[in-house]
Amino acid sequence: MNTLALSQIEESIDQLSLDEQLWLMAWLAQQIRSRFGSQIDFEAELTVMATDPEIRHELDIIEKEFMITEGDGLDLK
């Protein structure tokens, strides 16, 4: 990875206004989607979701709510 080039890009981005930085981010995201969208797989999206603190919190709540039903004798296999 060319860290000198990345450092120069970072310095240039720091010179932009907030609106320009937001536009650049949206443009970059669109470029990545159009070039690599087919390579982005469902599993990668799930991995991102699984590490999201808000989603983890909700899953913990759901797990606690259903914990009492685990002892009901039903075999879900």
PDB file of N, CA and C in Angstrom:
ATOM      1  N   MET A   1       0.854  -1.178   0.000  1.00  0.00           N
ATOM      2  CA  MET A   1       0.000   0.000   0.000  1.00  0.00           C
ATOM      3  C   MET A   1       0.896   1.237   0.000  1.00  0.00           C
ATOM      4  N   ASN A   2       0.559   2.185  -0.811  1.00  0.00           N
ATOM      5  CA  ASN A   2       1.351   3.405  -0.932  1.00  0.00           C
ATOM      6  C   ASN A   2       0.918   4.397   0.142  1.00  0.00           C
ATOM      7  N   THR A   3       1.595   4.357   1.262  1.00  0.00           N
ATOM      8  CA  THR A   3       1.193   5.213   2.380  1.00  0.00           C
ATOM      9  C   THR A   3       1.444   6.684   2.099  1.00  0.00           C
ATOM     10  N   LEU A   4       2.447   7.013   1.265  1.00  0.00           N
ATOM     11  CA  LEU A   4       2.697   8.409   0.918  1.00  0.00           C
ATOM     12  C   LEU A   4       1.511   8.977   0.146  1.00  0.00           C
ATOM     13  N   ALA A   5       1.030   8.231  -0.831  1.00  0.00           N
ATOM     14  CA  ALA A   5      -0.123   8.685  -1.619  1.00  0.00           C
ATOM     15  C   ALA A   5      -1.351   8.829  -0.731  1.00  0.00           C
ATOM     16  N   LEU A   6      -1.560   7.853   0.165  1.00  0.00           N
ATOM     17  CA  LEU A   6      -2.715   7.926   1.061  1.00  0.00           C
ATOM     18  C   LEU A   6      -2.608   9.116   2.008  1.00  0.00           C
ATOM     19  N   SER A   7      -1.417   9.400   2.480  1.00  0.00           N
ATOM     20  CA  SER A   7      -1.211  10.553   3.361  1.00  0.00           C
ATOM     21  C   SER A   7      -1.531  11.843   2.628  1.00  0.00           C
ATOM     22  N   GLN A   8      -1.124  11.924   1.357  1.00  0.00           N
ATOM     23  CA  GLN A   8      -1.409  13.115   0.557  1.00  0.00           C
ATOM     24  C   GLN A   8      -2.909  13.266   0.322  1.00  0.00           C
ATOM     25  N   ILE A   9      -3.576  12.153   0.061  1.00  0.00           N
ATOM     26  CA  ILE A   9      -5.035  12.189  -0.129  1.00  0.00           C
ATOM     27  C   ILE A   9      -5.717  12.641   1.164  1.00  0.00           C
ATOM     28  N   GLU A  10      -5.267  12.096   2.279  1.00  0.00           N
ATOM     29  CA  GLU A  10      -5.853  12.470   3.569  1.00  0.00           C
ATOM     30  C   GLU A  10      -5.683  13.962   3.841  1.00  0.00           C
ATOM     31  N   GLU A  11      -4.509  14.500   3.561  1.00  0.00           N
ATOM     32  CA  GLU A  11      -4.266  15.928   3.744  1.00  0.00           C
ATOM     33  C   GLU A  11      -5.176  16.758   2.847  1.00  0.00           C
ATOM     34  N   SER A  12      -5.358  16.299   1.619  1.00  0.00           N
ATOM     35  CA  SER A  12      -6.237  17.021   0.691  1.00  0.00           C
ATOM     36  C   SER A  12      -7.680  16.992   1.168  1.00  0.00           C
ATOM     37  N   ILE A  13      -8.116  15.851   1.669  1.00  0.00           N
ATOM     38  CA  ILE A  13      -9.492  15.730   2.168  1.00  0.00           C
ATOM     39  C   ILE A  13      -9.714  16.645   3.357  1.00  0.00           C
ATOM     40  N   ASP A  14      -8.704  16.773   4.206  1.00  0.00           N
ATOM     41  CA  ASP A  14      -8.818  17.662   5.364  1.00  0.00           C
ATOM     42  C   ASP A  14      -9.045  19.113   4.956  1.00  0.00           C
ATOM     43  N   GLN A  15      -8.642  19.469   3.743  1.00  0.00           N
ATOM     44  CA  GLN A  15      -8.804  20.839   3.252  1.00  0.00           C
ATOM     45  C   GLN A  15     -10.217  21.113   2.738  1.00  0.00           C
ATOM     46  N   LEU A  16     -10.987  20.070   2.528  1.00  0.00           N
ATOM     47  CA  LEU A  16     -12.340  20.216   1.985  1.00  0.00           C
ATOM     48  C   LEU A  16     -13.322  20.623   3.070  1.00  0.00           C
ATOM     49  N   SER A  17     -14.389  21.270   2.658  1.00  0.00           N
ATOM     50  CA  SER A  17     -15.475  21.600   3.590  1.00  0.00           C
ATOM     51  C   SER A  17     -16.237  20.319   3.927  1.00  0.00           C
ATOM     52  N   LEU A  18     -17.088  20.402   4.936  1.00  0.00           N
ATOM     53  CA  LEU A  18     -17.887  19.241   5.319  1.00  0.00           C
ATOM     54  C   LEU A  18     -18.773  18.779   4.162  1.00  0.00           C
ATOM     55  N   ASP A  19     -19.417  19.718   3.476  1.00  0.00           N
ATOM     56  CA  ASP A  19     -20.266  19.350   2.332  1.00  0.00           C
ATOM     57  C   ASP A  19     -19.460  18.658   1.234  1.00  0.00           C
ATOM     58  N   GLU A  20     -18.263  19.150   0.982  1.00  0.00           N
ATOM     59  CA  GLU A  20     -17.416  18.529  -0.042  1.00  0.00           C
ATOM     60  C   GLU A  20     -16.972  17.138   0.395  1.00  0.00           C
ATOM     61  N   GLN A  21     -16.662  16.965   1.678  1.00  0.00           N
ATOM     62  CA  GLN A  21     -16.269  15.653   2.180  1.00  0.00           C
ATOM     63  C   GLN A  21     -17.425  14.664   2.088  1.00  0.00           C
ATOM     64  N   LEU A  22     -18.627  15.117   2.414  1.00  0.00           N
ATOM     65  CA  LEU A  22     -19.803  14.243   2.309  1.00  0.00           C
ATOM     66  C   LEU A  22     -20.064  13.857   0.860  1.00  0.00           C
ATOM     67  N   TRP A  23     -19.941  14.827  -0.040  1.00  0.00           N
ATOM     68  CA  TRP A  23     -20.118  14.520  -1.457  1.00  0.00           C
ATOM     69  C   TRP A  23     -19.079  13.498  -1.909  1.00  0.00           C
ATOM     70  N   LEU A  24     -17.833  13.692  -1.489  1.00  0.00           N
ATOM     71  CA  LEU A  24     -16.755  12.776  -1.860  1.00  0.00           C
ATOM     72  C   LEU A  24     -17.019  11.367  -1.343  1.00  0.00           C
ATOM     73  N   MET A  25     -17.501  11.262  -0.117  1.00  0.00           N
ATOM     74  CA  MET A  25     -17.816   9.947   0.446  1.00  0.00           C
ATOM     75  C   MET A  25     -18.921   9.267  -0.348  1.00  0.00           C
ATOM     76  N   ALA A  26     -19.953  10.007  -0.683  1.00  0.00           N
ATOM     77  CA  ALA A  26     -21.059   9.437  -1.464  1.00  0.00           C
ATOM     78  C   ALA A  26     -20.565   9.008  -2.846  1.00  0.00           C
ATOM     79  N   TRP A  27     -19.752   9.836  -3.468  1.00  0.00           N
ATOM     80  CA  TRP A  27     -19.209   9.495  -4.784  1.00  0.00           C
ATOM     81  C   TRP A  27     -18.333   8.255  -4.701  1.00  0.00           C
ATOM     82  N   LEU A  28     -17.466   8.189  -3.687  1.00  0.00           N
ATOM     83  CA  LEU A  28     -16.582   7.045  -3.525  1.00  0.00           C
ATOM     84  C   LEU A  28     -17.377   5.766  -3.275  1.00  0.00           C
ATOM     85  N   ALA A  29     -18.411   5.847  -2.437  1.00  0.00           N
ATOM     86  CA  ALA A  29     -19.248   4.674  -2.177  1.00  0.00           C
ATOM     87  C   ALA A  29     -19.912   4.193  -3.460  1.00  0.00           C
ATOM     88  N   GLN A  30     -20.391   5.128  -4.276  1.00  0.00           N
ATOM     89  CA  GLN A  30     -21.026   4.764  -5.548  1.00  0.00           C
ATOM     90  C   GLN A  30     -20.017   4.115  -6.489  1.00  0.00           C
ATOM     91  N   GLN A  31     -18.813   4.633  -6.530  1.00  0.00           N
ATOM     92  CA  GLN A  31     -17.774   4.056  -7.374  1.00  0.00           C
ATOM     93  C   GLN A  31     -17.445   2.630  -6.948  1.00  0.00           C
ATOM     94  N   ILE A  32     -17.338   2.420  -5.647  1.00  0.00           N
ATOM     95  CA  ILE A  32     -17.031   1.081  -5.138  1.00  0.00           C
ATOM     96  C   ILE A  32     -18.168   0.128  -5.462  1.00  0.00           C
ATOM     97  N   ARG A  33     -19.417   0.571  -5.256  1.00  0.00           N
ATOM     98  CA  ARG A  33     -20.573  -0.281  -5.567  1.00  0.00           C
ATOM     99  C   ARG A  33     -20.613  -0.639  -7.050  1.00  0.00           C
ATOM    100  N   SER A  34     -20.352   0.327  -7.904  1.00  0.00           N
ATOM    101  CA  SER A  34     -20.451   0.054  -9.343  1.00  0.00           C
ATOM    102  C   SER A  34     -19.317  -0.846  -9.830  1.00  0.00           C
ATOM    103  N   ARG A  35     -18.157  -0.745  -9.221  1.00  0.00           N
ATOM    104  CA  ARG A  35     -17.017  -1.561  -9.652  1.00  0.00           C
ATOM    105  C   ARG A  35     -16.960  -2.926  -8.988  1.00  0.00           C
ATOM    106  N   PHE A  36     -17.338  -2.979  -7.711  1.00  0.00           N
ATOM    107  CA  PHE A  36     -17.134  -4.206  -6.947  1.00  0.00           C
ATOM    108  C   PHE A  36     -18.408  -4.764  -6.332  1.00  0.00           C
ATOM    109  N   GLY A  37     -19.541  -4.193  -6.701  1.00  0.00           N
ATOM    110  CA  GLY A  37     -20.807  -4.605  -6.096  1.00  0.00           C
ATOM    111  C   GLY A  37     -21.078  -6.082  -6.211  1.00  0.00           C
ATOM    112  N   SER A  38     -20.721  -6.660  -7.335  1.00  0.00           N
ATOM    113  CA  SER A  38     -20.981  -8.090  -7.511  1.00  0.00           C
ATOM    114  C   SER A  38     -20.064  -8.938  -6.636  1.00  0.00           C
ATOM    115  N   GLN A  39     -18.966  -8.369  -6.180  1.00  0.00           N
ATOM    116  CA  GLN A  39     -18.035  -9.116  -5.342  1.00  0.00           C
ATOM    117  C   GLN A  39     -18.385  -9.023  -3.862  1.00  0.00           C
ATOM    118  N   ILE A  40     -19.233  -8.071  -3.522  1.00  0.00           N
ATOM    119  CA  ILE A  40     -19.634  -7.921  -2.128  1.00  0.00           C
ATOM    120  C   ILE A  40     -20.695  -8.973  -1.849  1.00  0.00           C
ATOM    121  N   ASP A  41     -20.405  -9.877  -0.950  1.00  0.00           N
ATOM    122  CA  ASP A  41     -21.332 -10.976  -0.732  1.00  0.00           C
ATOM    123  C   ASP A  41     -22.172 -10.778   0.527  1.00  0.00           C
ATOM    124  N   PHE A  42     -23.199 -11.563   0.594  1.00  0.00           N
ATOM    125  CA  PHE A  42     -24.148 -11.506   1.693  1.00  0.00           C
ATOM    126  C   PHE A  42     -23.471 -11.784   3.029  1.00  0.00           C
ATOM    127  N   GLU A  43     -22.519 -12.695   3.039  1.00  0.00           N
ATOM    128  CA  GLU A  43     -21.825 -13.050   4.276  1.00  0.00           C
ATOM    129  C   GLU A  43     -21.073 -11.851   4.850  1.00  0.00           C
ATOM    130  N   ALA A  44     -20.468 -11.053   4.005  1.00  0.00           N
ATOM    131  CA  ALA A  44     -19.756  -9.865   4.468  1.00  0.00           C
ATOM    132  C   ALA A  44     -20.723  -8.881   5.123  1.00  0.00           C
ATOM    133  N   GLU A  45     -21.894  -8.730   4.534  1.00  0.00           N
ATOM    134  CA  GLU A  45     -22.895  -7.842   5.113  1.00  0.00           C
ATOM    135  C   GLU A  45     -23.360  -8.358   6.470  1.00  0.00           C
ATOM    136  N   LEU A  46     -23.541  -9.663   6.584  1.00  0.00           N
ATOM    137  CA  LEU A  46     -23.928 -10.252   7.864  1.00  0.00           C
ATOM    138  C   LEU A  46     -22.847 -10.054   8.924  1.00  0.00           C
ATOM    139  N   THR A  47     -21.601 -10.153   8.514  1.00  0.00           N
ATOM    140  CA  THR A  47     -20.497  -9.945   9.446  1.00  0.00           C
ATOM    141  C   THR A  47     -20.522  -8.527   9.996  1.00  0.00           C
ATOM    142  N   VAL A  48     -20.763  -7.564   9.135  1.00  0.00           N
ATOM    143  CA  VAL A  48     -20.854  -6.173   9.577  1.00  0.00           C
ATOM    144  C   VAL A  48     -22.018  -6.008  10.546  1.00  0.00           C
ATOM    145  N   MET A  49     -23.160  -6.590  10.205  1.00  0.00           N
ATOM    146  CA  MET A  49     -24.332  -6.494  11.085  1.00  0.00           C
ATOM    147  C   MET A  49     -24.060  -7.161  12.429  1.00  0.00           C
ATOM    148  N   ALA A  50     -23.370  -8.285  12.416  1.00  0.00           N
ATOM    149  CA  ALA A  50     -23.119  -9.028  13.648  1.00  0.00           C
ATOM    150  C   ALA A  50     -22.212  -8.273  14.606  1.00  0.00           C
ATOM    151  N   THR A  51     -21.418  -7.373  14.087  1.00  0.00           N
ATOM    152  CA  THR A  51     -20.526  -6.602  14.949  1.00  0.00           C
ATOM    153  C   THR A  51     -21.104  -5.247  15.333  1.00  0.00           C
ATOM    154  N   ASP A  52     -22.267  -4.919  14.805  1.00  0.00           N
ATOM    155  CA  ASP A  52     -22.910  -3.651  15.134  1.00  0.00           C
ATOM    156  C   ASP A  52     -23.442  -3.708  16.567  1.00  0.00           C
ATOM    157  N   PRO A  53     -23.025  -2.773  17.441  1.00  0.00           N
ATOM    158  CA  PRO A  53     -23.448  -2.817  18.844  1.00  0.00           C
ATOM    159  C   PRO A  53     -24.961  -2.751  19.034  1.00  0.00           C
ATOM    160  N   GLU A  54     -25.649  -1.961  18.225  1.00  0.00           N
ATOM    161  CA  GLU A  54     -27.102  -1.843  18.373  1.00  0.00           C
ATOM    162  C   GLU A  54     -27.792  -3.157  18.011  1.00  0.00           C
ATOM    163  N   ILE A  55     -27.338  -3.784  16.946  1.00  0.00           N
ATOM    164  CA  ILE A  55     -27.918  -5.064  16.543  1.00  0.00           C
ATOM    165  C   ILE A  55     -27.606  -6.130  17.586  1.00  0.00           C
ATOM    166  N   ARG A  56     -26.374  -6.139  18.093  1.00  0.00           N
ATOM    167  CA  ARG A  56     -26.002  -7.095  19.143  1.00  0.00           C
ATOM    168  C   ARG A  56     -26.904  -6.924  20.361  1.00  0.00           C
ATOM    169  N   HIS A  57     -27.181  -5.685  20.730  1.00  0.00           N
ATOM    170  CA  HIS A  57     -28.051  -5.399  21.876  1.00  0.00           C
ATOM    171  C   HIS A  57     -29.453  -5.961  21.651  1.00  0.00           C
ATOM    172  N   GLU A  58     -30.000  -5.726  20.462  1.00  0.00           N
ATOM    173  CA  GLU A  58     -31.330  -6.240  20.138  1.00  0.00           C
ATOM    174  C   GLU A  58     -31.363  -7.764  20.154  1.00  0.00           C
ATOM    175  N   LEU A  59     -30.309  -8.389  19.609  1.00  0.00           N
ATOM    176  CA  LEU A  59     -30.249  -9.852  19.609  1.00  0.00           C
ATOM    177  C   LEU A  59     -30.162 -10.405  21.032  1.00  0.00           C
ATOM    178  N   ASP A  60     -29.440  -9.717  21.902  1.00  0.00           N
ATOM    179  CA  ASP A  60     -29.366 -10.135  23.308  1.00  0.00           C
ATOM    180  C   ASP A  60     -30.739 -10.063  23.971  1.00  0.00           C
ATOM    181  N   ILE A  61     -31.488  -9.013  23.674  1.00  0.00           N
ATOM    182  CA  ILE A  61     -32.842  -8.866  24.234  1.00  0.00           C
ATOM    183  C   ILE A  61     -33.735 -10.005  23.743  1.00  0.00           C
ATOM    184  N   ILE A  62     -33.697 -10.284  22.447  1.00  0.00           N
ATOM    185  CA  ILE A  62     -34.509 -11.359  21.877  1.00  0.00           C
ATOM    186  C   ILE A  62     -34.129 -12.704  22.492  1.00  0.00           C
ATOM    187  N   GLU A  63     -32.840 -12.938  22.634  1.00  0.00           N
ATOM    188  CA  GLU A  63     -32.381 -14.197  23.224  1.00  0.00           C
ATOM    189  C   GLU A  63     -32.903 -14.352  24.655  1.00  0.00           C
ATOM    190  N   LYS A  64     -32.879 -13.291  25.435  1.00  0.00           N
ATOM    191  CA  LYS A  64     -33.380 -13.343  26.811  1.00  0.00           C
ATOM    192  C   LYS A  64     -34.888 -13.594  26.840  1.00  0.00           C
ATOM    193  N   GLU A  65     -35.609 -12.979  25.908  1.00  0.00           N
ATOM    194  CA  GLU A  65     -37.055 -13.155  25.860  1.00  0.00           C
ATOM    195  C   GLU A  65     -37.448 -14.597  25.543  1.00  0.00           C
ATOM    196  N   PHE A  66     -36.668 -15.270  24.708  1.00  0.00           N
ATOM    197  CA  PHE A  66     -36.992 -16.630  24.309  1.00  0.00           C
ATOM    198  C   PHE A  66     -36.315 -17.699  25.169  1.00  0.00           C
ATOM    199  N   MET A  67     -35.498 -17.273  26.120  1.00  0.00           N
ATOM    200  CA  MET A  67     -34.773 -18.211  26.958  1.00  0.00           C
ATOM    201  C   MET A  67     -35.721 -19.131  27.738  1.00  0.00           C
ATOM    202  N   ILE A  68     -36.867 -18.585  28.153  1.00  0.00           N
ATOM    203  CA  ILE A  68     -37.797 -19.406  28.940  1.00  0.00           C
ATOM    204  C   ILE A  68     -38.431 -20.523  28.108  1.00  0.00           C
ATOM    205  N   THR A  69     -38.498 -20.346  26.794  1.00  0.00           N
ATOM    206  CA  THR A  69     -39.102 -21.377  25.945  1.00  0.00           C
ATOM    207  C   THR A  69     -38.132 -22.510  25.617  1.00  0.00           C
ATOM    208  N   GLU A  70     -36.856 -22.331  25.923  1.00  0.00           N
ATOM    209  CA  GLU A  70     -35.879 -23.369  25.607  1.00  0.00           C
ATOM    210  C   GLU A  70     -36.096 -24.630  26.416  1.00  0.00           C
ATOM    211  N   GLY A  71     -36.718 -24.526  27.576  1.00  0.00           N
ATOM    212  CA  GLY A  71     -36.940 -25.679  28.428  1.00  0.00           C
ATOM    213  C   GLY A  71     -38.307 -26.313  28.259  1.00  0.00           C
ATOM    214  N   ASP A  72     -38.997 -25.995  27.165  1.00  0.00           N
ATOM    215  CA  ASP A  72     -40.356 -26.502  26.995  1.00  0.00           C
ATOM    216  C   ASP A  72     -40.421 -27.930  26.436  1.00  0.00           C
ATOM    217  N   GLY A  73     -39.268 -28.506  26.136  1.00  0.00           N
ATOM    218  CA  GLY A  73     -39.238 -29.891  25.694  1.00  0.00           C
ATOM    219  C   GLY A  73     -39.370 -30.083  24.197  1.00  0.00           C
ATOM    220  N   LEU A  74     -39.487 -29.014  23.448  1.00  0.00           N
ATOM    221  CA  LEU A  74     -39.598 -29.142  21.996  1.00  0.00           C
ATOM    222  C   LEU A  74     -38.212 -29.315  21.392  1.00  0.00           C
ATOM    223  N   ASP A  75     -38.097 -30.242  20.482  1.00  0.00           N
ATOM    224  CA  ASP A  75     -36.852 -30.461  19.771  1.00  0.00           C
ATOM    225  C   ASP A  75     -36.963 -29.770  18.425  1.00  0.00           C
ATOM    226  N   LEU A  76     -36.185 -28.703  18.220  1.00  0.00           N
ATOM    227  CA  LEU A  76     -36.296 -27.909  16.997  1.00  0.00           C
ATOM    228  C   LEU A  76     -35.419 -28.435  15.889  1.00  0.00           C
ATOM    229  N   LYS A  77     -34.783 -29.576  16.062  1.00  0.00           N
ATOM    230  CA  LYS A  77     -33.898 -30.099  15.010  1.00  0.00           C
ATOM    231  C   LYS A  77     -34.666 -30.838  13.964  1.00  0.00           C
TER     232      LYS A  77
END
